[in-house]
Amino acid sequence: MTQRQIAIRLDSDLVSFVDGEVAAQHVSSRAELISRALRRERRRLEALRDAAIYRATADQPDDLDQLASWAAHAPMDID
């Protein structure tokens, strides 16, 4: 993954928080904390999109229901 440097402006209370986390050695750098926060936000937004898709299709039949029903009664010869 290619890294790029960008400039951002943050309120002073956020900068203090970030610097405090670095000083407490919870993260190694400002960039690490901000990258973590952005990855977490991306995952949150993806989860919201997934939930919206699920909500929109929840009343439609699921092909996996039949597979799960079959698998629940299928013998498991693992020996």
Protein backbone atom coordinates (compact mmCIF):
# COMPACT_ATOMS: atom_id res chain seq x y z
CA MET A 1 0.00 0.00 0.00
CA THR A 2 1.38 3.37 -1.00
CA GLN A 3 1.38 6.00 1.70
CA ARG A 4 0.76 9.65 0.96
CA GLN A 5 1.27 12.60 3.21
CA ILE A 6 -1.65 14.98 3.60
CA ALA A 7 -2.24 18.07 5.70
CA ILE A 8 -5.32 18.28 7.90
CA ARG A 9 -6.64 20.87 10.32
CA LEU A 10 -7.94 19.72 13.69
CA ASP A 11 -9.42 21.55 16.64
CA SER A 12 -6.86 22.06 19.39
CA ASP A 13 -8.71 19.68 21.74
CA LEU A 14 -8.36 16.88 19.17
CA VAL A 15 -4.67 17.63 18.72
CA SER A 16 -4.24 17.50 22.50
CA PHE A 17 -6.02 14.16 22.60
CA VAL A 18 -3.84 12.73 19.80
CA ASP A 19 -0.67 14.03 21.42
CA GLY A 20 -1.76 12.61 24.78
CA GLU A 21 -2.25 9.17 23.23
CA VAL A 22 1.22 9.35 21.69
CA ALA A 23 2.74 10.55 24.98
CA ALA A 24 1.04 7.70 26.86
CA GLN A 25 2.50 5.33 24.25
CA HIS A 26 -0.93 3.99 23.28
CA VAL A 27 0.14 4.65 19.68
CA SER A 28 3.53 5.27 18.17
CA SER A 29 2.61 8.41 16.25
CA ARG A 30 -0.10 10.88 15.37
CA ALA A 31 -0.37 9.24 11.96
CA GLU A 32 -0.99 5.82 13.51
CA LEU A 33 -3.86 7.08 15.66
CA ILE A 34 -5.48 8.99 12.82
CA SER A 35 -5.07 6.02 10.46
CA ARG A 36 -6.68 3.72 13.04
CA ALA A 37 -9.57 6.12 13.46
CA LEU A 38 -10.12 6.39 9.72
CA ARG A 39 -10.00 2.60 9.24
CA ARG A 40 -12.51 2.20 12.08
CA GLU A 41 -14.79 4.80 10.50
CA ARG A 42 -14.52 3.07 7.13
CA ARG A 43 -15.51 -0.28 8.74
CA ARG A 44 -18.42 1.42 10.52
CA LEU A 45 -19.73 2.94 7.28
CA GLU A 46 -19.35 -0.39 5.46
CA ALA A 47 -21.29 -2.11 8.26
CA LEU A 48 -24.06 0.50 7.96
CA ARG A 49 -24.24 -0.10 4.21
CA ASP A 50 -24.35 -3.87 4.79
CA ALA A 51 -27.12 -3.41 7.37
CA ALA A 52 -29.12 -1.31 4.91
CA ILE A 53 -28.77 -4.01 2.25
CA TYR A 54 -29.82 -6.68 4.74
CA ARG A 55 -32.79 -4.59 5.89
CA ALA A 56 -33.88 -4.05 2.29
CA THR A 57 -33.68 -7.77 1.47
CA ALA A 58 -34.69 -9.32 4.82
CA ASP A 59 -38.10 -10.38 3.55
CA GLN A 60 -36.69 -12.15 0.49
CA PRO A 61 -36.03 -15.90 0.64
CA ASP A 62 -32.45 -16.85 1.37
CA ASP A 63 -30.82 -19.58 -0.70
CA LEU A 64 -28.67 -20.49 2.28
CA ASP A 65 -31.68 -21.50 4.37
CA GLN A 66 -32.09 -24.71 2.37
CA LEU A 67 -28.36 -25.45 2.59
CA ALA A 68 -28.34 -24.91 6.35
CA SER A 69 -31.36 -27.16 6.77
CA TRP A 70 -29.73 -29.91 4.73
CA ALA A 71 -26.38 -29.54 6.54
CA ALA A 72 -28.07 -29.79 9.93
CA HIS A 73 -29.25 -33.31 9.08
CA ALA A 74 -26.30 -34.50 6.98
CA PRO A 75 -23.96 -37.04 8.57
CA MET A 76 -20.48 -35.75 9.28
CA ASP A 77 -17.98 -38.49 8.51
CA ILE A 78 -14.85 -36.83 9.81
CA ASP A 79 -13.11 -39.94 11.17
